[in-house]
Amino acid sequence: MKLTNERPLVLIGAGKMGGAMLSGWMKQGMAPEHVVVVDPNPPAETIETIQAHDLVWHKSVPDGVVGGVLLLAIKPQMMEDVLPTLKGLADAQSVVLSVAAGTTIKRFKDNFGAGQPVVRVIPNTPSQVGRGVTAGYASDEVQDTQKALMSSLLESIGVFYWVEAEEQIDLATAVSGSGPAYVFHLVEAMSAAGQRLGLTAELAEALARGTVSGSGELLHQSSEDADVLRKNVTSPGGTTAAALSVLMGDDALTNLMSDAVAKAAHRATELAD
């Protein structure tokens, strides 16, 4: 299966997540004529992407367009209102591709038809820079050629993993889908700690931001496990060991993160209900 002018990728919702994926695909060389954007009020950065690549953009659902892929990147809370308006954008040969947390495959089949091929994925915002992490689950109707296209699309903006059960999508949401926010908050927390020690706000922010982004790149490029990289930084009795005695003592950070991720997973289940 391939995207074409007649059977394009139709993006419904070009906000933070949809816009990040769109930006990533354009940077990777997706043909602009294979994309249609539908969003009444996308953010400024997405409008820049649309204009830079001369993409077709509709502020409301267009007539006469049937997607090869219908990508739904709208908030779960909006699904009930928006889904009924999208029926004409997909047929039995289209793949409905959803990035919405908590909205089940059954809900999409109720809207588009029992035989509709549906893929649920949970990407994250680093997709914008080609470093996304995405997990996906396909309904039984999705053909091998369609799965291959989904893999190709999502691997072009990062790494992609198929999961074995739809329930695992909620778990992936809690770990990788929401995960960038945890990392960004770590930068905020490190910066605040530096300021309390007496660093200026600007320097504390720069040190924290550079340390987290640099460490992430080292982790990305290294074949070593995270615990090995941690041990490489930690000299016995040194400053890092002193800090880790707080973070790792009584599994403090592990327990805190476990509670946070479990809370996110529970919320994803609530959205499904």
C-alpha atoms as a PDB file:
ATOM      1  CA  MET A   1       0.000   0.000   0.000  1.00  0.00           C
ATOM      2  CA  LYS A   2       1.238   3.490  -0.881  1.00  0.00           C
ATOM      3  CA  LEU A   3       0.013   7.017  -0.368  1.00  0.00           C
ATOM      4  CA  THR A   4      -1.026   8.764  -3.586  1.00  0.00           C
ATOM      5  CA  ASN A   5      -2.549  12.050  -4.707  1.00  0.00           C
ATOM      6  CA  GLU A   6      -5.924  10.306  -4.902  1.00  0.00           C
ATOM      7  CA  ARG A   7      -5.480   8.402  -1.614  1.00  0.00           C
ATOM      8  CA  PRO A   8      -3.446  10.769   0.608  1.00  0.00           C
ATOM      9  CA  LEU A   9      -2.703  10.842   4.286  1.00  0.00           C
ATOM     10  CA  VAL A  10      -5.501  12.959   5.761  1.00  0.00           C
ATOM     11  CA  LEU A  11      -4.457  14.505   9.067  1.00  0.00           C
ATOM     12  CA  ILE A  12      -7.354  15.418  11.347  1.00  0.00           C
ATOM     13  CA  GLY A  13      -5.967  17.703  14.029  1.00  0.00           C
ATOM     14  CA  ALA A  14      -2.621  19.415  13.557  1.00  0.00           C
ATOM     15  CA  GLY A  15      -1.972  20.426  17.158  1.00  0.00           C
ATOM     16  CA  LYS A  16       1.038  19.454  19.256  1.00  0.00           C
ATOM     17  CA  MET A  17       1.095  15.741  18.408  1.00  0.00           C
ATOM     18  CA  GLY A  18      -0.318  15.869  14.894  1.00  0.00           C
ATOM     19  CA  GLY A  19       1.866  18.864  14.107  1.00  0.00           C
ATOM     20  CA  ALA A  20       4.974  17.119  15.463  1.00  0.00           C
ATOM     21  CA  MET A  21       4.343  14.076  13.261  1.00  0.00           C
ATOM     22  CA  LEU A  22       3.602  16.265  10.243  1.00  0.00           C
ATOM     23  CA  SER A  23       6.782  18.280  10.766  1.00  0.00           C
ATOM     24  CA  GLY A  24       8.801  15.091  11.113  1.00  0.00           C
ATOM     25  CA  TRP A  25       7.391  13.604   7.908  1.00  0.00           C
ATOM     26  CA  MET A  26       8.027  16.766   5.935  1.00  0.00           C
ATOM     27  CA  LYS A  27      11.614  16.881   7.178  1.00  0.00           C
ATOM     28  CA  GLN A  28      12.001  13.272   6.041  1.00  0.00           C
ATOM     29  CA  GLY A  29      10.847  14.139   2.528  1.00  0.00           C
ATOM     30  CA  MET A  30       7.217  13.017   2.368  1.00  0.00           C
ATOM     31  CA  ALA A  31       5.622  14.203  -0.880  1.00  0.00           C
ATOM     32  CA  PRO A  32       3.503  17.280  -0.049  1.00  0.00           C
ATOM     33  CA  GLU A  33       0.828  16.225  -2.553  1.00  0.00           C
ATOM     34  CA  HIS A  34       0.270  13.081  -0.473  1.00  0.00           C
ATOM     35  CA  VAL A  35      -0.902  15.066   2.581  1.00  0.00           C
ATOM     36  CA  VAL A  36      -4.161  16.850   3.408  1.00  0.00           C
ATOM     37  CA  VAL A  37      -4.441  18.751   6.699  1.00  0.00           C
ATOM     38  CA  VAL A  38      -7.800  19.377   8.377  1.00  0.00           C
ATOM     39  CA  ASP A  39      -7.769  21.692  11.383  1.00  0.00           C
ATOM     40  CA  PRO A  40      -9.746  24.895  12.028  1.00  0.00           C
ATOM     41  CA  ASN A  41      -6.990  26.551  14.050  1.00  0.00           C
ATOM     42  CA  PRO A  42      -3.568  24.874  14.028  1.00  0.00           C
ATOM     43  CA  PRO A  43      -0.739  26.420  16.059  1.00  0.00           C
ATOM     44  CA  ALA A  44       1.653  28.861  14.436  1.00  0.00           C
ATOM     45  CA  GLU A  45       4.466  26.326  14.042  1.00  0.00           C
ATOM     46  CA  THR A  46       2.158  23.960  12.153  1.00  0.00           C
ATOM     47  CA  ILE A  47       0.971  26.765   9.895  1.00  0.00           C
ATOM     48  CA  GLU A  48       4.635  27.429   9.117  1.00  0.00           C
ATOM     49  CA  THR A  49       5.045  23.760   8.105  1.00  0.00           C
ATOM     50  CA  ILE A  50       1.890  23.897   5.975  1.00  0.00           C
ATOM     51  CA  GLN A  51       3.027  27.049   4.205  1.00  0.00           C
ATOM     52  CA  ALA A  52       6.649  25.948   3.813  1.00  0.00           C
ATOM     53  CA  HIS A  53       5.570  22.814   1.948  1.00  0.00           C
ATOM     54  CA  ASP A  54       2.467  24.251   0.260  1.00  0.00           C
ATOM     55  CA  LEU A  55       0.247  21.592   1.831  1.00  0.00           C
ATOM     56  CA  VAL A  56      -3.478  21.350   1.190  1.00  0.00           C
ATOM     57  CA  TRP A  57      -5.176  22.700   4.334  1.00  0.00           C
ATOM     58  CA  HIS A  58      -8.895  22.682   5.136  1.00  0.00           C
ATOM     59  CA  LYS A  59     -10.440  24.369   8.159  1.00  0.00           C
ATOM     60  CA  SER A  60     -13.426  22.012   8.041  1.00  0.00           C
ATOM     61  CA  VAL A  61     -14.013  18.455   6.814  1.00  0.00           C
ATOM     62  CA  PRO A  62     -13.716  18.526   2.996  1.00  0.00           C
ATOM     63  CA  ASP A  63     -15.972  16.798   0.499  1.00  0.00           C
ATOM     64  CA  GLY A  64     -14.612  14.427  -2.123  1.00  0.00           C
ATOM     65  CA  VAL A  65     -11.505  13.370  -0.188  1.00  0.00           C
ATOM     66  CA  VAL A  66     -10.937   9.737   0.796  1.00  0.00           C
ATOM     67  CA  GLY A  67      -7.744   8.982   2.658  1.00  0.00           C
ATOM     68  CA  GLY A  68      -5.457   6.067   2.146  1.00  0.00           C
ATOM     69  CA  VAL A  69      -4.631   6.808   5.773  1.00  0.00           C
ATOM     70  CA  LEU A  70      -6.985   8.805   7.984  1.00  0.00           C
ATOM     71  CA  LEU A  71      -4.839  10.021  10.873  1.00  0.00           C
ATOM     72  CA  LEU A  72      -6.838  11.136  13.886  1.00  0.00           C
ATOM     73  CA  ALA A  73      -4.734  13.370  16.110  1.00  0.00           C
ATOM     74  CA  ILE A  74      -7.496  14.981  18.131  1.00  0.00           C
ATOM     75  CA  LYS A  75      -8.041  15.007  21.869  1.00  0.00           C
ATOM     76  CA  PRO A  76      -9.948  11.992  23.244  1.00  0.00           C
ATOM     77  CA  GLN A  77     -12.508  14.346  24.760  1.00  0.00           C
ATOM     78  CA  MET A  78     -13.367  15.612  21.258  1.00  0.00           C
ATOM     79  CA  MET A  79     -13.898  12.191  19.678  1.00  0.00           C
ATOM     80  CA  GLU A  80     -17.624  11.913  20.284  1.00  0.00           C
ATOM     81  CA  ASP A  81     -18.310  15.196  18.533  1.00  0.00           C
ATOM     82  CA  VAL A  82     -15.786  14.856  15.699  1.00  0.00           C
ATOM     83  CA  LEU A  83     -15.965  11.192  14.669  1.00  0.00           C
ATOM     84  CA  PRO A  84     -19.444  11.284  13.081  1.00  0.00           C
ATOM     85  CA  THR A  85     -18.311  14.099  10.769  1.00  0.00           C
ATOM     86  CA  LEU A  86     -15.429  12.027   9.365  1.00  0.00           C
ATOM     87  CA  LYS A  87     -17.239   9.016   7.913  1.00  0.00           C
ATOM     88  CA  GLY A  88     -16.855  10.195   4.320  1.00  0.00           C
ATOM     89  CA  LEU A  89     -13.068  10.445   4.633  1.00  0.00           C
ATOM     90  CA  ALA A  90     -12.517   6.672   4.916  1.00  0.00           C
ATOM     91  CA  ASP A  91     -13.702   3.550   3.148  1.00  0.00           C
ATOM     92  CA  ALA A  92     -12.956  -0.160   3.507  1.00  0.00           C
ATOM     93  CA  GLN A  93      -9.519   0.297   1.898  1.00  0.00           C
ATOM     94  CA  SER A  94      -8.519   3.154   4.205  1.00  0.00           C
ATOM     95  CA  VAL A  95      -6.572   2.700   7.415  1.00  0.00           C
ATOM     96  CA  VAL A  96      -7.913   4.688  10.341  1.00  0.00           C
ATOM     97  CA  LEU A  97      -4.803   5.595  12.322  1.00  0.00           C
ATOM     98  CA  SER A  98      -5.449   7.023  15.780  1.00  0.00           C
ATOM     99  CA  VAL A  99      -3.011   8.672  18.163  1.00  0.00           C
ATOM    100  CA  ALA A 100      -5.699   9.409  20.759  1.00  0.00           C
ATOM    101  CA  ALA A 101      -5.131   7.903  24.190  1.00  0.00           C
ATOM    102  CA  GLY A 102      -7.991   5.823  25.530  1.00  0.00           C
ATOM    103  CA  THR A 103     -10.165   5.660  22.391  1.00  0.00           C
ATOM    104  CA  THR A 104     -10.561   1.978  21.558  1.00  0.00           C
ATOM    105  CA  ILE A 105     -10.619   0.195  18.219  1.00  0.00           C
ATOM    106  CA  LYS A 106     -14.209  -0.801  18.937  1.00  0.00           C
ATOM    107  CA  ARG A 107     -15.190   2.860  19.104  1.00  0.00           C
ATOM    108  CA  PHE A 108     -13.724   3.511  15.654  1.00  0.00           C
ATOM    109  CA  LYS A 109     -15.449   0.454  14.188  1.00  0.00           C
ATOM    110  CA  ASP A 110     -18.752   1.633  15.659  1.00  0.00           C
ATOM    111  CA  ASN A 111     -18.276   4.836  13.684  1.00  0.00           C
ATOM    112  CA  PHE A 112     -16.690   3.690  10.406  1.00  0.00           C
ATOM    113  CA  GLY A 113     -18.012   0.118  10.171  1.00  0.00           C
ATOM    114  CA  ALA A 114     -17.250  -3.298  11.622  1.00  0.00           C
ATOM    115  CA  GLY A 115     -14.777  -4.188   8.863  1.00  0.00           C
ATOM    116  CA  GLN A 116     -12.766  -0.973   9.067  1.00  0.00           C
ATOM    117  CA  PRO A 117      -8.983  -1.448   9.344  1.00  0.00           C
ATOM    118  CA  VAL A 118      -7.851   0.463  12.438  1.00  0.00           C
ATOM    119  CA  VAL A 119      -4.415   1.036  13.927  1.00  0.00           C
ATOM    120  CA  ARG A 120      -3.944   2.653  17.314  1.00  0.00           C
ATOM    121  CA  VAL A 121      -0.561   4.220  17.955  1.00  0.00           C
ATOM    122  CA  ILE A 122       0.985   6.214  20.747  1.00  0.00           C
ATOM    123  CA  PRO A 123       3.790   8.423  19.428  1.00  0.00           C
ATOM    124  CA  ASN A 124       5.485  11.227  21.311  1.00  0.00           C
ATOM    125  CA  THR A 125       6.541  14.752  20.491  1.00  0.00           C
ATOM    126  CA  PRO A 126      10.226  14.007  19.722  1.00  0.00           C
ATOM    127  CA  SER A 127       8.781  12.719  16.432  1.00  0.00           C
ATOM    128  CA  GLN A 128       9.169  16.345  15.346  1.00  0.00           C
ATOM    129  CA  VAL A 129      12.955  15.917  15.281  1.00  0.00           C
ATOM    130  CA  GLY A 130      13.040  12.335  14.025  1.00  0.00           C
ATOM    131  CA  ARG A 131      13.532  10.872  17.496  1.00  0.00           C
ATOM    132  CA  GLY A 132      10.009   9.767  18.312  1.00  0.00           C
ATOM    133  CA  VAL A 133       9.081   6.569  20.119  1.00  0.00           C
ATOM    134  CA  THR A 134       5.832   4.970  18.985  1.00  0.00           C
ATOM    135  CA  ALA A 135       3.949   1.822  19.962  1.00  0.00           C
ATOM    136  CA  GLY A 136       1.115   0.479  17.804  1.00  0.00           C
ATOM    137  CA  TYR A 137      -1.616  -2.146  17.679  1.00  0.00           C
ATOM    138  CA  ALA A 138      -3.504  -3.184  14.551  1.00  0.00           C
ATOM    139  CA  SER A 139      -7.008  -4.609  14.263  1.00  0.00           C
ATOM    140  CA  ASP A 140      -7.437  -7.960  12.516  1.00  0.00           C
ATOM    141  CA  GLU A 141      -8.630  -6.237   9.333  1.00  0.00           C
ATOM    142  CA  VAL A 142      -5.314  -4.460   8.736  1.00  0.00           C
ATOM    143  CA  GLN A 143      -3.520  -6.159   5.841  1.00  0.00           C
ATOM    144  CA  ASP A 144       0.211  -6.830   5.725  1.00  0.00           C
ATOM    145  CA  THR A 145       0.765  -4.115   3.111  1.00  0.00           C
ATOM    146  CA  GLN A 146      -1.094  -1.636   5.299  1.00  0.00           C
ATOM    147  CA  LYS A 147       0.937  -2.630   8.362  1.00  0.00           C
ATOM    148  CA  ALA A 148       4.092  -2.179   6.312  1.00  0.00           C
ATOM    149  CA  LEU A 149       3.024   1.366   5.411  1.00  0.00           C
ATOM    150  CA  MET A 150       2.262   2.163   9.066  1.00  0.00           C
ATOM    151  CA  SER A 151       5.690   0.854  10.088  1.00  0.00           C
ATOM    152  CA  SER A 152       7.368   2.878   7.352  1.00  0.00           C
ATOM    153  CA  LEU A 153       5.566   6.086   8.301  1.00  0.00           C
ATOM    154  CA  LEU A 154       6.341   5.791  11.976  1.00  0.00           C
ATOM    155  CA  GLU A 155       9.904   4.528  11.613  1.00  0.00           C
ATOM    156  CA  SER A 156      10.645   7.579   9.471  1.00  0.00           C
ATOM    157  CA  ILE A 157      10.141   9.797  12.539  1.00  0.00           C
ATOM    158  CA  GLY A 158      11.799   7.602  15.159  1.00  0.00           C
ATOM    159  CA  VAL A 159      11.505   4.045  16.425  1.00  0.00           C
ATOM    160  CA  PHE A 160       8.325   1.988  16.226  1.00  0.00           C
ATOM    161  CA  TYR A 161       7.159  -1.146  18.029  1.00  0.00           C
ATOM    162  CA  TRP A 162       4.081  -3.307  17.436  1.00  0.00           C
ATOM    163  CA  VAL A 163       2.469  -4.539  20.656  1.00  0.00           C
ATOM    164  CA  GLU A 164       0.602  -7.819  21.067  1.00  0.00           C
ATOM    165  CA  ALA A 165      -2.571  -6.579  22.762  1.00  0.00           C
ATOM    166  CA  GLU A 166      -4.586  -3.380  22.583  1.00  0.00           C
ATOM    167  CA  GLU A 167      -4.398  -3.020  26.367  1.00  0.00           C
ATOM    168  CA  GLN A 168      -0.647  -2.477  26.050  1.00  0.00           C
ATOM    169  CA  ILE A 169      -1.310   0.790  24.220  1.00  0.00           C
ATOM    170  CA  ASP A 170      -2.470   2.331  27.506  1.00  0.00           C
ATOM    171  CA  LEU A 171       0.753   1.157  29.152  1.00  0.00           C
ATOM    172  CA  ALA A 172       2.855   2.620  26.340  1.00  0.00           C
ATOM    173  CA  THR A 173       0.918   5.870  26.721  1.00  0.00           C
ATOM    174  CA  ALA A 174       2.022   6.080  30.339  1.00  0.00           C
ATOM    175  CA  VAL A 175       5.697   5.340  29.635  1.00  0.00           C
ATOM    176  CA  SER A 176       6.655   6.833  26.259  1.00  0.00           C
ATOM    177  CA  GLY A 177       3.629   8.835  25.154  1.00  0.00           C
ATOM    178  CA  SER A 178       3.618  11.017  28.261  1.00  0.00           C
ATOM    179  CA  GLY A 179       7.303  10.405  28.965  1.00  0.00           C
ATOM    180  CA  PRO A 180       8.754  13.542  27.341  1.00  0.00           C
ATOM    181  CA  ALA A 181       6.840  15.636  29.877  1.00  0.00           C
ATOM    182  CA  TYR A 182       8.560  13.740  32.691  1.00  0.00           C
ATOM    183  CA  VAL A 183      11.960  14.495  31.166  1.00  0.00           C
ATOM    184  CA  PHE A 184      11.127  18.162  30.623  1.00  0.00           C
ATOM    185  CA  HIS A 185       9.978  18.416  34.232  1.00  0.00           C
ATOM    186  CA  LEU A 186      13.292  16.878  35.295  1.00  0.00           C
ATOM    187  CA  VAL A 187      15.012  19.817  33.613  1.00  0.00           C
ATOM    188  CA  GLU A 188      12.712  22.202  35.492  1.00  0.00           C
ATOM    189  CA  ALA A 189      13.468  20.459  38.788  1.00  0.00           C
ATOM    190  CA  MET A 190      17.239  20.424  38.214  1.00  0.00           C
ATOM    191  CA  SER A 191      17.162  24.084  37.240  1.00  0.00           C
ATOM    192  CA  ALA A 192      15.178  25.011  40.338  1.00  0.00           C
ATOM    193  CA  ALA A 193      17.623  23.057  42.517  1.00  0.00           C
ATOM    194  CA  GLY A 194      20.542  24.909  40.969  1.00  0.00           C
ATOM    195  CA  GLN A 195      18.887  28.249  41.619  1.00  0.00           C
ATOM    196  CA  ARG A 196      18.301  27.343  45.265  1.00  0.00           C
ATOM    197  CA  LEU A 197      22.038  26.673  45.553  1.00  0.00           C
ATOM    198  CA  GLY A 198      22.746  30.170  44.250  1.00  0.00           C
ATOM    199  CA  LEU A 199      23.124  29.841  40.480  1.00  0.00           C
ATOM    200  CA  THR A 200      21.417  32.415  38.296  1.00  0.00           C
ATOM    201  CA  ALA A 201      18.193  31.282  36.641  1.00  0.00           C
ATOM    202  CA  GLU A 202      19.772  31.512  33.192  1.00  0.00           C
ATOM    203  CA  LEU A 203      22.839  29.444  34.101  1.00  0.00           C
ATOM    204  CA  ALA A 204      20.880  26.849  36.068  1.00  0.00           C
ATOM    205  CA  GLU A 205      18.497  26.398  33.127  1.00  0.00           C
ATOM    206  CA  ALA A 206      21.362  26.109  30.644  1.00  0.00           C
ATOM    207  CA  LEU A 207      23.229  23.552  32.764  1.00  0.00           C
ATOM    208  CA  ALA A 208      20.138  21.437  33.373  1.00  0.00           C
ATOM    209  CA  ARG A 209      18.922  21.586  29.785  1.00  0.00           C
ATOM    210  CA  GLY A 210      22.315  20.771  28.319  1.00  0.00           C
ATOM    211  CA  THR A 211      22.915  17.941  30.764  1.00  0.00           C
ATOM    212  CA  VAL A 212      19.623  16.197  30.083  1.00  0.00           C
ATOM    213  CA  SER A 213      19.770  16.604  26.311  1.00  0.00           C
ATOM    214  CA  GLY A 214      23.420  15.557  26.189  1.00  0.00           C
ATOM    215  CA  SER A 215      22.808  12.543  28.405  1.00  0.00           C
ATOM    216  CA  GLY A 216      19.918  11.519  26.195  1.00  0.00           C
ATOM    217  CA  GLU A 217      22.117  11.698  23.128  1.00  0.00           C
ATOM    218  CA  LEU A 218      24.816   9.636  24.850  1.00  0.00           C
ATOM    219  CA  LEU A 219      22.205   7.050  25.780  1.00  0.00           C
ATOM    220  CA  HIS A 220      20.981   7.074  22.186  1.00  0.00           C
ATOM    221  CA  GLN A 221      24.418   6.537  20.709  1.00  0.00           C
ATOM    222  CA  SER A 222      25.806   4.120  23.298  1.00  0.00           C
ATOM    223  CA  SER A 223      25.337   0.346  23.266  1.00  0.00           C
ATOM    224  CA  GLU A 224      25.658   0.287  27.061  1.00  0.00           C
ATOM    225  CA  ASP A 225      22.631  -0.144  29.311  1.00  0.00           C
ATOM    226  CA  ALA A 226      21.448   2.851  31.318  1.00  0.00           C
ATOM    227  CA  ASP A 227      22.697   1.373  34.593  1.00  0.00           C
ATOM    228  CA  VAL A 228      26.194   0.971  33.132  1.00  0.00           C
ATOM    229  CA  LEU A 229      26.220   4.585  31.955  1.00  0.00           C
ATOM    230  CA  ARG A 230      25.075   5.669  35.413  1.00  0.00           C
ATOM    231  CA  LYS A 231      27.856   3.694  37.079  1.00  0.00           C
ATOM    232  CA  ASN A 232      30.382   5.215  34.677  1.00  0.00           C
ATOM    233  CA  VAL A 233      29.564   8.658  36.098  1.00  0.00           C
ATOM    234  CA  THR A 234      29.566   7.548  39.739  1.00  0.00           C
ATOM    235  CA  SER A 235      32.824   7.489  41.683  1.00  0.00           C
ATOM    236  CA  PRO A 236      32.647   5.794  45.119  1.00  0.00           C
ATOM    237  CA  GLY A 237      32.266   8.431  47.797  1.00  0.00           C
ATOM    238  CA  GLY A 238      32.024  11.241  45.253  1.00  0.00           C
ATOM    239  CA  THR A 239      29.484  13.959  44.530  1.00  0.00           C
ATOM    240  CA  THR A 240      27.356  11.820  42.181  1.00  0.00           C
ATOM    241  CA  ALA A 241      27.199   9.025  44.741  1.00  0.00           C
ATOM    242  CA  ALA A 242      26.017  11.548  47.349  1.00  0.00           C
ATOM    243  CA  ALA A 243      23.173  12.683  45.087  1.00  0.00           C
ATOM    244  CA  LEU A 244      22.236   9.116  44.128  1.00  0.00           C
ATOM    245  CA  SER A 245      22.002   8.185  47.809  1.00  0.00           C
ATOM    246  CA  VAL A 246      18.937  10.452  47.859  1.00  0.00           C
ATOM    247  CA  LEU A 247      17.466   9.476  44.484  1.00  0.00           C
ATOM    248  CA  MET A 248      18.105   5.752  44.866  1.00  0.00           C
ATOM    249  CA  GLY A 249      17.824   5.421  48.626  1.00  0.00           C
ATOM    250  CA  ASP A 250      14.791   3.272  49.469  1.00  0.00           C
ATOM    251  CA  ASP A 251      14.122   3.266  45.689  1.00  0.00           C
ATOM    252  CA  ALA A 252      12.845   6.831  46.089  1.00  0.00           C
ATOM    253  CA  LEU A 253      12.887   7.874  42.438  1.00  0.00           C
ATOM    254  CA  THR A 254      11.873   4.410  41.183  1.00  0.00           C
ATOM    255  CA  ASN A 255       8.845   4.358  43.464  1.00  0.00           C
ATOM    256  CA  LEU A 256       7.892   7.923  42.586  1.00  0.00           C
ATOM    257  CA  MET A 257       8.139   7.187  38.862  1.00  0.00           C
ATOM    258  CA  SER A 258       6.190   3.954  39.269  1.00  0.00           C
ATOM    259  CA  ASP A 259       3.381   5.842  40.982  1.00  0.00           C
ATOM    260  CA  ALA A 260       3.376   8.528  38.286  1.00  0.00           C
ATOM    261  CA  VAL A 261       3.346   6.079  35.367  1.00  0.00           C
ATOM    262  CA  ALA A 262       0.630   3.981  37.022  1.00  0.00           C
ATOM    263  CA  LYS A 263      -1.460   7.136  37.428  1.00  0.00           C
ATOM    264  CA  ALA A 264      -1.058   7.934  33.732  1.00  0.00           C
ATOM    265  CA  ALA A 265      -1.987   4.371  32.723  1.00  0.00           C
ATOM    266  CA  HIS A 266      -5.070   4.497  34.938  1.00  0.00           C
ATOM    267  CA  ARG A 267      -6.127   7.766  33.338  1.00  0.00           C
ATOM    268  CA  ALA A 268      -5.757   6.229  29.867  1.00  0.00           C
ATOM    269  CA  THR A 269      -8.082   3.411  30.971  1.00  0.00           C
ATOM    270  CA  GLU A 270     -10.546   5.945  32.351  1.00  0.00           C
ATOM    271  CA  LEU A 271     -10.610   7.723  28.982  1.00  0.00           C
ATOM    272  CA  ALA A 272     -11.434   4.405  27.296  1.00  0.00           C
ATOM    273  CA  ASP A 273     -14.351   3.913  29.666  1.00  0.00           C
END
